[in-house]
C-alpha atoms as a PDB file:
ATOM      1  CA  MET A   1      30.225  16.564 -20.037  1.00  0.00           C
ATOM      2  CA  THR A   2      30.635  18.753 -16.818  1.00  0.00           C
ATOM      3  CA  THR A   3      26.743  19.236 -16.885  1.00  0.00           C
ATOM      4  CA  ASP A   4      26.216  15.418 -17.562  1.00  0.00           C
ATOM      5  CA  ARG A   5      28.393  14.464 -14.557  1.00  0.00           C
ATOM      6  CA  ILE A   6      26.471  16.966 -12.288  1.00  0.00           C
ATOM      7  CA  THR A   7      23.040  16.473 -13.418  1.00  0.00           C
ATOM      8  CA  LEU A   8      22.800  12.783 -13.475  1.00  0.00           C
ATOM      9  CA  PRO A   9      24.178  12.150  -9.556  1.00  0.00           C
ATOM     10  CA  THR A  10      21.736  15.069  -8.576  1.00  0.00           C
ATOM     11  CA  ALA A  11      18.842  13.433 -10.367  1.00  0.00           C
ATOM     12  CA  LEU A  12      19.838  10.186  -8.641  1.00  0.00           C
ATOM     13  CA  LEU A  13      20.190  11.830  -5.377  1.00  0.00           C
ATOM     14  CA  THR A  14      16.926  13.707  -5.391  1.00  0.00           C
ATOM     15  CA  GLY A  15      14.933  10.740  -7.004  1.00  0.00           C
ATOM     16  CA  SER A  16      16.210   8.632  -4.300  1.00  0.00           C
ATOM     17  CA  MET A  17      15.181  10.916  -1.368  1.00  0.00           C
ATOM     18  CA  LEU A  18      11.738  11.290  -3.076  1.00  0.00           C
ATOM     19  CA  VAL A  19      11.172   7.615  -3.119  1.00  0.00           C
ATOM     20  CA  MET A  20      12.686   7.250   0.218  1.00  0.00           C
ATOM     21  CA  ILE A  21      10.347   9.982   1.933  1.00  0.00           C
ATOM     22  CA  SER A  22       7.248   8.044  -0.148  1.00  0.00           C
ATOM     23  CA  ALA A  23       8.021   4.941   1.316  1.00  0.00           C
ATOM     24  CA  ILE A  24       8.456   5.989   4.836  1.00  0.00           C
ATOM     25  CA  ALA A  25       5.189   8.371   4.745  1.00  0.00           C
ATOM     26  CA  PHE A  26       3.260   5.108   3.073  1.00  0.00           C
ATOM     27  CA  SER A  27       4.553   3.197   6.145  1.00  0.00           C
ATOM     28  CA  SER A  28       2.752   5.695   8.760  1.00  0.00           C
ATOM     29  CA  LYS A  29      -0.375   4.370   7.689  1.00  0.00           C
ATOM     30  CA  ALA A  30      -0.273   1.484   9.853  1.00  0.00           C
ATOM     31  CA  ILE A  31       1.117   3.537  12.627  1.00  0.00           C
ATOM     32  CA  MET A  32      -1.898   6.227  12.192  1.00  0.00           C
ATOM     33  CA  ALA A  33      -4.438   3.637  12.167  1.00  0.00           C
ATOM     34  CA  LYS A  34      -3.176   1.763  15.455  1.00  0.00           C
ATOM     35  CA  LEU A  35      -3.218   5.102  16.984  1.00  0.00           C
ATOM     36  CA  ALA A  36      -6.971   5.579  16.028  1.00  0.00           C
ATOM     37  CA  TYR A  37      -7.957   2.638  17.421  1.00  0.00           C
ATOM     38  CA  ARG A  38      -6.822   3.571  20.687  1.00  0.00           C
ATOM     39  CA  TYR A  39      -9.924   5.699  20.834  1.00  0.00           C
ATOM     40  CA  HIS A  40     -12.332   2.884  19.963  1.00  0.00           C
ATOM     41  CA  VAL A  41     -13.075   4.283  16.298  1.00  0.00           C
ATOM     42  CA  ASP A  42     -14.201   1.202  14.067  1.00  0.00           C
ATOM     43  CA  VAL A  43     -13.121   0.412  10.744  1.00  0.00           C
ATOM     44  CA  GLU A  44     -15.551   1.529   8.380  1.00  0.00           C
ATOM     45  CA  THR A  45     -15.732   5.015  10.347  1.00  0.00           C
ATOM     46  CA  LEU A  46     -11.746   5.343   9.944  1.00  0.00           C
ATOM     47  CA  LEU A  47     -12.114   4.493   6.321  1.00  0.00           C
ATOM     48  CA  ALA A  48     -14.656   6.745   5.584  1.00  0.00           C
ATOM     49  CA  LEU A  49     -12.777   9.719   7.432  1.00  0.00           C
ATOM     50  CA  ARG A  50      -9.681   8.655   5.328  1.00  0.00           C
ATOM     51  CA  MET A  51     -11.499   8.699   2.111  1.00  0.00           C
ATOM     52  CA  ALA A  52     -13.399  11.739   2.644  1.00  0.00           C
ATOM     53  CA  CYS A  53     -10.282  13.696   3.576  1.00  0.00           C
ATOM     54  CA  SER A  54      -8.831  12.092   0.272  1.00  0.00           C
ATOM     55  CA  THR A  55     -11.430  12.699  -2.030  1.00  0.00           C
ATOM     56  CA  PRO A  56     -10.966  16.419  -2.695  1.00  0.00           C
ATOM     57  CA  PHE A  57      -7.251  15.396  -4.321  1.00  0.00           C
ATOM     58  CA  PHE A  58      -8.727  12.709  -6.544  1.00  0.00           C
ATOM     59  CA  LEU A  59     -11.439  14.883  -7.749  1.00  0.00           C
ATOM     60  CA  LEU A  60      -8.864  17.633  -8.677  1.00  0.00           C
ATOM     61  CA  LEU A  61      -7.161  14.981 -10.474  1.00  0.00           C
ATOM     62  CA  ALA A  62     -10.136  13.943 -12.405  1.00  0.00           C
ATOM     63  CA  VAL A  63     -10.663  17.538 -13.176  1.00  0.00           C
ATOM     64  CA  TRP A  64      -7.219  18.009 -14.369  1.00  0.00           C
ATOM     65  CA  VAL A  65      -7.592  14.627 -16.496  1.00  0.00           C
ATOM     66  CA  TYR A  66     -10.635  15.889 -18.079  1.00  0.00           C
ATOM     67  CA  PHE A  67      -9.582  19.311 -18.993  1.00  0.00           C
ATOM     68  CA  SER A  68      -5.836  18.537 -20.060  1.00  0.00           C
ATOM     69  CA  GLY A  69      -4.919  18.175 -23.711  1.00  0.00           C
ATOM     70  CA  GLY A  70      -3.531  14.736 -23.291  1.00  0.00           C
ATOM     71  CA  ARG A  71      -7.002  13.344 -22.000  1.00  0.00           C
ATOM     72  CA  ARG A  72      -8.144  10.032 -23.662  1.00  0.00           C
ATOM     73  CA  THR A  73     -11.860   8.630 -24.198  1.00  0.00           C
ATOM     74  CA  PHE A  74     -12.745   5.220 -23.341  1.00  0.00           C
ATOM     75  CA  SER A  75     -15.616   2.904 -24.002  1.00  0.00           C
ATOM     76  CA  LEU A  76     -18.478   2.056 -21.607  1.00  0.00           C
ATOM     77  CA  ARG A  77     -16.813  -1.431 -20.849  1.00  0.00           C
ATOM     78  CA  ASP A  78     -13.736   0.162 -19.701  1.00  0.00           C
ATOM     79  CA  GLY A  79     -15.575   2.657 -17.478  1.00  0.00           C
ATOM     80  CA  ILE A  80     -17.400  -0.474 -15.705  1.00  0.00           C
ATOM     81  CA  ILE A  81     -14.155  -2.143 -15.279  1.00  0.00           C
ATOM     82  CA  ILE A  82     -12.707   0.860 -13.737  1.00  0.00           C
ATOM     83  CA  ALA A  83     -15.870   1.024 -11.241  1.00  0.00           C
ATOM     84  CA  ILE A  84     -15.312  -2.614 -10.499  1.00  0.00           C
ATOM     85  CA  LEU A  85     -11.648  -2.370  -9.902  1.00  0.00           C
ATOM     86  CA  GLY A  86     -12.372   0.767  -7.787  1.00  0.00           C
ATOM     87  CA  VAL A  87     -14.484  -1.286  -5.275  1.00  0.00           C
ATOM     88  CA  ILE A  88     -12.685  -4.766  -5.490  1.00  0.00           C
ATOM     89  CA  GLY A  89      -9.072  -3.597  -6.014  1.00  0.00           C
ATOM     90  CA  GLY A  90      -9.387  -0.167  -4.282  1.00  0.00           C
ATOM     91  CA  TYR A  91     -11.792  -0.245  -1.509  1.00  0.00           C
ATOM     92  CA  LEU A  92     -11.895  -3.994  -0.291  1.00  0.00           C
ATOM     93  CA  PRO A  93      -8.128  -4.356  -0.157  1.00  0.00           C
ATOM     94  CA  MET A  94      -8.184  -1.212   1.962  1.00  0.00           C
ATOM     95  CA  TRP A  95     -10.936  -2.660   4.270  1.00  0.00           C
ATOM     96  CA  LEU A  96      -9.232  -5.799   4.932  1.00  0.00           C
ATOM     97  CA  ASP A  97      -6.040  -4.246   5.682  1.00  0.00           C
ATOM     98  CA  PHE A  98      -7.545  -1.981   8.412  1.00  0.00           C
ATOM     99  CA  ALA A  99      -9.730  -4.740   9.917  1.00  0.00           C
ATOM    100  CA  GLY A 100      -6.396  -7.062  10.098  1.00  0.00           C
ATOM    101  CA  LEU A 101      -4.457  -4.102  11.777  1.00  0.00           C
ATOM    102  CA  ARG A 102      -6.785  -4.580  14.741  1.00  0.00           C
ATOM    103  CA  TYR A 103      -5.339  -7.998  15.436  1.00  0.00           C
ATOM    104  CA  VAL A 104      -1.740  -7.725  14.236  1.00  0.00           C
ATOM    105  CA  SER A 105       1.215  -5.354  15.050  1.00  0.00           C
ATOM    106  CA  ALA A 106       1.980  -2.580  12.530  1.00  0.00           C
ATOM    107  CA  GLY A 107       5.354  -4.435  11.949  1.00  0.00           C
ATOM    108  CA  LEU A 108       3.611  -7.551  10.739  1.00  0.00           C
ATOM    109  CA  GLU A 109       1.203  -6.071   8.538  1.00  0.00           C
ATOM    110  CA  ARG A 110       3.725  -4.003   6.496  1.00  0.00           C
ATOM    111  CA  ILE A 111       5.729  -7.120   6.174  1.00  0.00           C
ATOM    112  CA  ILE A 112       2.673  -9.131   4.837  1.00  0.00           C
ATOM    113  CA  LEU A 113       1.722  -6.378   2.603  1.00  0.00           C
ATOM    114  CA  PHE A 114       5.024  -5.903   1.281  1.00  0.00           C
ATOM    115  CA  LEU A 115       4.545  -9.600  -0.206  1.00  0.00           C
ATOM    116  CA  TYR A 116       2.152  -8.203  -3.056  1.00  0.00           C
ATOM    117  CA  PRO A 117       5.141  -8.260  -5.896  1.00  0.00           C
ATOM    118  CA  THR A 118       5.388 -12.035  -5.423  1.00  0.00           C
ATOM    119  CA  MET A 119       1.683 -12.361  -5.319  1.00  0.00           C
ATOM    120  CA  VAL A 120       1.652 -10.628  -9.009  1.00  0.00           C
ATOM    121  CA  VAL A 121       4.126 -13.179 -10.310  1.00  0.00           C
ATOM    122  CA  ILE A 122       2.075 -16.305  -9.045  1.00  0.00           C
ATOM    123  CA  LEU A 123      -1.454 -14.570 -10.111  1.00  0.00           C
ATOM    124  CA  SER A 124       0.160 -13.642 -13.699  1.00  0.00           C
ATOM    125  CA  ALA A 125       1.778 -17.220 -13.883  1.00  0.00           C
ATOM    126  CA  PHE A 126      -1.755 -18.603 -13.497  1.00  0.00           C
ATOM    127  CA  TRP A 127      -3.659 -15.992 -15.219  1.00  0.00           C
ATOM    128  CA  TYR A 128      -1.399 -15.348 -18.386  1.00  0.00           C
ATOM    129  CA  ARG A 129       0.338 -18.352 -18.401  1.00  0.00           C
ATOM    130  CA  GLN A 130       3.616 -16.774 -17.553  1.00  0.00           C
ATOM    131  CA  HIS A 131       6.561 -18.921 -16.828  1.00  0.00           C
ATOM    132  CA  ILE A 132       7.902 -18.844 -12.840  1.00  0.00           C
ATOM    133  CA  GLY A 133      11.649 -19.762 -13.187  1.00  0.00           C
ATOM    134  CA  ARG A 134      13.939 -20.882 -10.610  1.00  0.00           C
ATOM    135  CA  ARG A 135      14.727 -17.416  -9.403  1.00  0.00           C
ATOM    136  CA  GLU A 136      11.219 -16.532  -8.763  1.00  0.00           C
ATOM    137  CA  ILE A 137      10.540 -19.683  -6.939  1.00  0.00           C
ATOM    138  CA  LEU A 138      13.793 -18.997  -4.466  1.00  0.00           C
ATOM    139  CA  ALA A 139      12.335 -15.735  -4.015  1.00  0.00           C
ATOM    140  CA  LEU A 140       9.096 -16.952  -2.801  1.00  0.00           C
ATOM    141  CA  ILE A 141      10.785 -19.545  -0.745  1.00  0.00           C
ATOM    142  CA  ILE A 142      12.750 -16.515   1.102  1.00  0.00           C
ATOM    143  CA  SER A 143       9.971 -14.148   1.220  1.00  0.00           C
ATOM    144  CA  TYR A 144       7.358 -16.120   2.900  1.00  0.00           C
ATOM    145  CA  GLY A 145      10.080 -17.880   5.324  1.00  0.00           C
ATOM    146  CA  GLY A 146      10.775 -14.376   6.376  1.00  0.00           C
ATOM    147  CA  VAL A 147       7.127 -13.675   6.976  1.00  0.00           C
ATOM    148  CA  ILE A 148       7.149 -17.045   9.321  1.00  0.00           C
ATOM    149  CA  MET A 149       9.788 -15.980  11.185  1.00  0.00           C
ATOM    150  CA  VAL A 150       8.292 -12.489  12.019  1.00  0.00           C
ATOM    151  CA  VAL A 151       4.673 -14.140  12.940  1.00  0.00           C
ATOM    152  CA  GLY A 152       6.574 -16.594  15.313  1.00  0.00           C
ATOM    153  CA  HIS A 153       8.184 -13.178  16.556  1.00  0.00           C
ATOM    154  CA  ASP A 154       4.724 -11.618  17.295  1.00  0.00           C
ATOM    155  CA  VAL A 155       3.543 -14.985  18.898  1.00  0.00           C
ATOM    156  CA  MET A 156       6.412 -14.965  21.554  1.00  0.00           C
ATOM    157  CA  THR A 157       6.520 -11.193  22.131  1.00  0.00           C
ATOM    158  CA  THR A 158       2.855 -10.319  22.284  1.00  0.00           C
ATOM    159  CA  THR A 159      -0.124 -10.975  24.883  1.00  0.00           C
ATOM    160  CA  THR A 160      -2.434 -10.805  21.764  1.00  0.00           C
ATOM    161  CA  ASP A 161      -4.720 -14.106  21.529  1.00  0.00           C
ATOM    162  CA  SER A 162      -3.082 -16.239  18.846  1.00  0.00           C
ATOM    163  CA  GLY A 163      -6.613 -16.778  17.126  1.00  0.00           C
ATOM    164  CA  GLN A 164      -6.976 -13.274  17.001  1.00  0.00           C
ATOM    165  CA  MET A 165      -3.276 -12.746  15.432  1.00  0.00           C
ATOM    166  CA  ALA A 166      -3.779 -15.294  12.999  1.00  0.00           C
ATOM    167  CA  LEU A 167      -7.125 -13.810  11.834  1.00  0.00           C
ATOM    168  CA  GLY A 168      -5.452 -10.425  11.456  1.00  0.00           C
ATOM    169  CA  ALA A 169      -2.597 -11.994   9.590  1.00  0.00           C
ATOM    170  CA  MET A 170      -4.952 -13.715   7.162  1.00  0.00           C
ATOM    171  CA  LEU A 171      -7.141 -10.574   6.422  1.00  0.00           C
ATOM    172  CA  VAL A 172      -3.965  -8.656   5.743  1.00  0.00           C
ATOM    173  CA  PHE A 173      -2.752 -11.329   3.465  1.00  0.00           C
ATOM    174  CA  ALA A 174      -5.949 -11.176   1.678  1.00  0.00           C
ATOM    175  CA  SER A 175      -5.773  -7.433   1.392  1.00  0.00           C
ATOM    176  CA  ALA A 176      -2.509  -8.011  -0.300  1.00  0.00           C
ATOM    177  CA  LEU A 177      -3.601 -10.703  -2.547  1.00  0.00           C
ATOM    178  CA  LEU A 178      -6.556  -8.733  -3.671  1.00  0.00           C
ATOM    179  CA  TYR A 179      -3.945  -5.681  -4.327  1.00  0.00           C
ATOM    180  CA  ALA A 180      -1.909  -7.855  -6.578  1.00  0.00           C
ATOM    181  CA  GLY A 181      -4.772  -9.092  -8.490  1.00  0.00           C
ATOM    182  CA  TYR A 182      -5.633  -5.502  -8.890  1.00  0.00           C
ATOM    183  CA  LEU A 183      -2.209  -4.481 -10.260  1.00  0.00           C
ATOM    184  CA  VAL A 184      -2.514  -7.453 -12.492  1.00  0.00           C
ATOM    185  CA  CYS A 185      -5.961  -6.189 -14.029  1.00  0.00           C
ATOM    186  CA  CYS A 186      -4.569  -2.801 -14.064  1.00  0.00           C
ATOM    187  CA  GLY A 187      -1.631  -3.500 -16.364  1.00  0.00           C
ATOM    188  CA  ARG A 188      -4.123  -4.338 -19.209  1.00  0.00           C
ATOM    189  CA  ILE A 189      -6.418  -1.281 -18.739  1.00  0.00           C
ATOM    190  CA  ILE A 190      -4.118   1.470 -17.625  1.00  0.00           C
ATOM    191  CA  PRO A 191      -2.649   1.664 -21.112  1.00  0.00           C
ATOM    192  CA  ARG A 192      -5.815   2.272 -22.810  1.00  0.00           C
ATOM    193  CA  VAL A 193      -7.216   4.933 -20.352  1.00  0.00           C
ATOM    194  CA  GLY A 194      -3.852   6.602 -18.985  1.00  0.00           C
ATOM    195  CA  SER A 195      -2.430   6.071 -15.551  1.00  0.00           C
ATOM    196  CA  ALA A 196      -4.108   9.282 -14.383  1.00  0.00           C
ATOM    197  CA  ALA A 197      -7.263   9.075 -15.268  1.00  0.00           C
ATOM    198  CA  PHE A 198      -7.675   5.455 -13.834  1.00  0.00           C
ATOM    199  CA  THR A 199      -6.071   6.449 -10.515  1.00  0.00           C
ATOM    200  CA  ALA A 200      -8.680   9.463 -10.442  1.00  0.00           C
ATOM    201  CA  TYR A 201     -11.851   7.548 -11.364  1.00  0.00           C
ATOM    202  CA  SER A 202     -11.051   4.250  -9.610  1.00  0.00           C
ATOM    203  CA  MET A 203     -10.100   5.902  -6.127  1.00  0.00           C
ATOM    204  CA  LEU A 204     -13.381   7.985  -6.582  1.00  0.00           C
ATOM    205  CA  MET A 205     -15.207   4.834  -7.039  1.00  0.00           C
ATOM    206  CA  ALA A 206     -13.359   3.468  -3.747  1.00  0.00           C
ATOM    207  CA  SER A 207     -14.425   6.407  -1.847  1.00  0.00           C
ATOM    208  CA  ALA A 208     -18.066   6.113  -2.855  1.00  0.00           C
ATOM    209  CA  THR A 209     -17.831   2.594  -1.735  1.00  0.00           C
ATOM    210  CA  SER A 210     -16.645   3.723   1.661  1.00  0.00           C
ATOM    211  CA  GLY A 211     -19.267   5.828   1.951  1.00  0.00           C
ATOM    212  CA  LEU A 212     -21.894   3.299   1.014  1.00  0.00           C
ATOM    213  CA  HIS A 213     -20.408   0.920   3.487  1.00  0.00           C
ATOM    214  CA  PHE A 214     -20.344   3.345   6.469  1.00  0.00           C
ATOM    215  CA  ALA A 215     -23.927   4.197   5.664  1.00  0.00           C
ATOM    216  CA  ALA A 216     -25.063   0.433   5.828  1.00  0.00           C
ATOM    217  CA  THR A 217     -23.143  -0.416   9.080  1.00  0.00           C
ATOM    218  CA  ASP A 218     -23.980   0.284  12.668  1.00  0.00           C
ATOM    219  CA  HIS A 219     -21.467   2.229  14.752  1.00  0.00           C
ATOM    220  CA  GLN A 220     -20.643   2.998  18.143  1.00  0.00           C
ATOM    221  CA  ALA A 221     -20.597   6.904  18.033  1.00  0.00           C
ATOM    222  CA  SER A 222     -21.628   9.350  15.424  1.00  0.00           C
ATOM    223  CA  ILE A 223     -19.040  10.430  13.038  1.00  0.00           C
ATOM    224  CA  LEU A 224     -19.479  13.889  13.802  1.00  0.00           C
ATOM    225  CA  ASN A 225     -19.055  13.084  17.658  1.00  0.00           C
ATOM    226  CA  LEU A 226     -15.619  11.656  17.621  1.00  0.00           C
ATOM    227  CA  PRO A 227     -12.596  12.825  19.696  1.00  0.00           C
ATOM    228  CA  ALA A 228     -10.541  15.700  17.784  1.00  0.00           C
ATOM    229  CA  ALA A 229      -7.758  13.459  17.589  1.00  0.00           C
ATOM    230  CA  VAL A 230      -9.517  10.907  15.587  1.00  0.00           C
ATOM    231  CA  TYR A 231     -10.351  13.479  12.758  1.00  0.00           C
ATOM    232  CA  GLN A 232      -6.824  14.862  13.066  1.00  0.00           C
ATOM    233  CA  ILE A 233      -5.383  11.431  12.542  1.00  0.00           C
ATOM    234  CA  ALA A 234      -7.685  10.958   9.506  1.00  0.00           C
ATOM    235  CA  LEU A 235      -6.731  14.028   7.779  1.00  0.00           C
ATOM    236  CA  LEU A 236      -2.696  13.178   8.410  1.00  0.00           C
ATOM    237  CA  MET A 237      -3.697   9.801   7.038  1.00  0.00           C
ATOM    238  CA  ALA A 238      -5.168  11.121   3.777  1.00  0.00           C
ATOM    239  CA  VAL A 239      -2.320  13.587   3.216  1.00  0.00           C
ATOM    240  CA  ILE A 240       0.983  12.082   4.535  1.00  0.00           C
ATOM    241  CA  ALA A 241       0.024   8.300   4.119  1.00  0.00           C
ATOM    242  CA  THR A 242      -2.099   8.451   0.877  1.00  0.00           C
ATOM    243  CA  VAL A 243      -1.801  11.503  -1.599  1.00  0.00           C
ATOM    244  CA  LEU A 244       1.694  12.465  -0.836  1.00  0.00           C
ATOM    245  CA  PRO A 245       3.288   9.226  -1.001  1.00  0.00           C
ATOM    246  CA  ALA A 246       1.714   8.540  -4.407  1.00  0.00           C
ATOM    247  CA  LEU A 247       3.065  11.810  -6.097  1.00  0.00           C
ATOM    248  CA  LEU A 248       6.470  11.466  -4.518  1.00  0.00           C
ATOM    249  CA  LEU A 249       6.980   7.835  -6.078  1.00  0.00           C
ATOM    250  CA  ASN A 250       5.811   8.951  -9.262  1.00  0.00           C
ATOM    251  CA  ILE A 251       8.137  11.932  -9.480  1.00  0.00           C
ATOM    252  CA  GLY A 252      10.863   9.817  -7.989  1.00  0.00           C
ATOM    253  CA  ILE A 253      10.435   6.820 -10.627  1.00  0.00           C
ATOM    254  CA  GLN A 254      10.612   9.602 -13.601  1.00  0.00           C
ATOM    255  CA  ARG A 255      14.072  10.504 -12.123  1.00  0.00           C
ATOM    256  CA  ILE A 256      15.600   7.389 -11.254  1.00  0.00           C
ATOM    257  CA  GLY A 257      13.641   4.309 -12.787  1.00  0.00           C
ATOM    258  CA  SER A 258      11.346   1.740 -11.431  1.00  0.00           C
ATOM    259  CA  ASN A 259      14.232  -0.605 -10.848  1.00  0.00           C
ATOM    260  CA  ARG A 260      15.972   1.835  -8.561  1.00  0.00           C
ATOM    261  CA  ALA A 261      12.871   2.969  -6.984  1.00  0.00           C
ATOM    262  CA  ALA A 262      12.264  -0.665  -6.078  1.00  0.00           C
ATOM    263  CA  LEU A 263      15.344  -0.854  -4.154  1.00  0.00           C
ATOM    264  CA  VAL A 264      14.774   2.395  -2.213  1.00  0.00           C
ATOM    265  CA  SER A 265      11.070   1.479  -1.444  1.00  0.00           C
ATOM    266  CA  SER A 266      12.295  -1.523   0.189  1.00  0.00           C
ATOM    267  CA  ILE A 267      12.971   0.469   3.222  1.00  0.00           C
ATOM    268  CA  GLY A 268       9.336   0.656   3.726  1.00  0.00           C
ATOM    269  CA  PRO A 269       8.872  -2.643   6.171  1.00  0.00           C
ATOM    270  CA  VAL A 270      11.919  -1.344   8.356  1.00  0.00           C
ATOM    271  CA  SER A 271      10.688   2.118   8.584  1.00  0.00           C
ATOM    272  CA  THR A 272       7.314   0.766   9.656  1.00  0.00           C
ATOM    273  CA  ILE A 273       9.158  -1.138  12.546  1.00  0.00           C
ATOM    274  CA  VAL A 274      10.958   1.719  13.606  1.00  0.00           C
ATOM    275  CA  LEU A 275       7.888   4.142  13.594  1.00  0.00           C
ATOM    276  CA  ALA A 276       6.021   1.315  15.403  1.00  0.00           C
ATOM    277  CA  TYR A 277       8.735   1.295  18.233  1.00  0.00           C
ATOM    278  CA  VAL A 278       8.635   4.866  18.389  1.00  0.00           C
ATOM    279  CA  PHE A 279       5.099   5.776  18.539  1.00  0.00           C
ATOM    280  CA  LEU A 280       3.414   2.561  19.596  1.00  0.00           C
ATOM    281  CA  ASP A 281       6.146   0.840  21.798  1.00  0.00           C
ATOM    282  CA  GLU A 282       6.201  -2.206  19.795  1.00  0.00           C
ATOM    283  CA  PRO A 283       9.187  -4.081  20.381  1.00  0.00           C
ATOM    284  CA  VAL A 284      12.264  -4.617  17.878  1.00  0.00           C
ATOM    285  CA  THR A 285      14.130  -7.899  17.996  1.00  0.00           C
ATOM    286  CA  GLY A 286      16.850  -9.599  15.990  1.00  0.00           C
ATOM    287  CA  LEU A 287      14.209 -12.290  14.758  1.00  0.00           C
ATOM    288  CA  GLN A 288      11.755  -9.472  13.528  1.00  0.00           C
ATOM    289  CA  MET A 289      14.664  -7.964  11.568  1.00  0.00           C
ATOM    290  CA  ALA A 290      15.702 -11.105  10.091  1.00  0.00           C
ATOM    291  CA  GLY A 291      12.679 -11.998   9.027  1.00  0.00           C
ATOM    292  CA  ALA A 292      11.869  -8.410   7.452  1.00  0.00           C
ATOM    293  CA  ALA A 293      15.292  -8.661   5.916  1.00  0.00           C
ATOM    294  CA  LEU A 294      14.334 -12.094   4.286  1.00  0.00           C
ATOM    295  CA  VAL A 295      11.003 -10.742   2.955  1.00  0.00           C
ATOM    296  CA  ILE A 296      12.792  -7.715   1.245  1.00  0.00           C
ATOM    297  CA  SER A 297      15.504  -9.875  -0.107  1.00  0.00           C
ATOM    298  CA  GLY A 298      13.021 -12.367  -1.663  1.00  0.00           C
ATOM    299  CA  VAL A 299      10.886  -9.311  -3.301  1.00  0.00           C
ATOM    300  CA  LEU A 300      13.972  -7.457  -4.354  1.00  0.00           C
ATOM    301  CA  LEU A 301      15.053 -10.605  -6.083  1.00  0.00           C
ATOM    302  CA  ILE A 302      11.722 -10.473  -8.130  1.00  0.00           C
ATOM    303  CA  THR A 303      10.998  -6.940  -8.747  1.00  0.00           C
ATOM    304  CA  THR A 304      14.659  -6.171  -9.819  1.00  0.00           C
ATOM    305  CA  HIS A 305      14.963  -8.994 -12.172  1.00  0.00           C
ATOM    306  CA  LYS A 306      13.559  -7.746 -15.285  1.00  0.00           C
ATOM    307  CA  ALA A 307      12.796  -4.031 -14.475  1.00  0.00           C
ATOM    308  CA  PRO A 308      15.453  -1.714 -16.230  1.00  0.00           C
ATOM    309  CA  ALA A 309      17.566   0.566 -14.274  1.00  0.00           C
END
């Protein structure tokens, strides 16, 4: 009895800390991208560097999956689906997100991306005829009302052209929408092939697509002749904002469950706003925080409704 009393709070504490660190680490991605853009690097080059630094980790995961005793075999059709999802759901949302970050603040980008659970609900309703109840409708109204508040905040406090800001917001929104569709499709194929295999193979396909996109586009500077800071940022982005958050989140979910993980992960938009204030000098106002609070509340209203604690 004494052991249970000690073990359970310890697991909750350590699991919550892991999920919190994961959310904050993932939030740093937008900050790093904005810092890299100060060196006039283009989107395709920055993504190619990020994915090149991430690829060794995905290769190791693929090797582990292949040689592990619990690996599963899957059909050619599943392989084709994984490849398609790696391009459309892995690389394309990434590109849209990074392209949008050229025009919007890091705080607004993170808040728009945080809407993806609400988009999953909407897409599931259309694709699989799932019912949207009053709770979900209320959550949608609250969340998108919060985004409108944050967009209004940025229009009033930044010198960015409103047309460019609208373009950036639409690009990030499209990124979140594609990622939501990716998650809906993943829910059907991951049980067949396994989460580790799907992650490894789909992200390797995303990395290959990034390389092909880079090779097919023109660039102002050679990828081998960039400022040292750009390479450092790309490496940090790969480790701190890509691989590390995924590992910590999975471990954290095993300890505290998806419901509590969703609650703890809601710190993401707020941590981005704080990090943007510290590293990018982006302003923080009451209107912005109120909008962020509405988005977080709406998302949690959906994500904690049916998930078990």
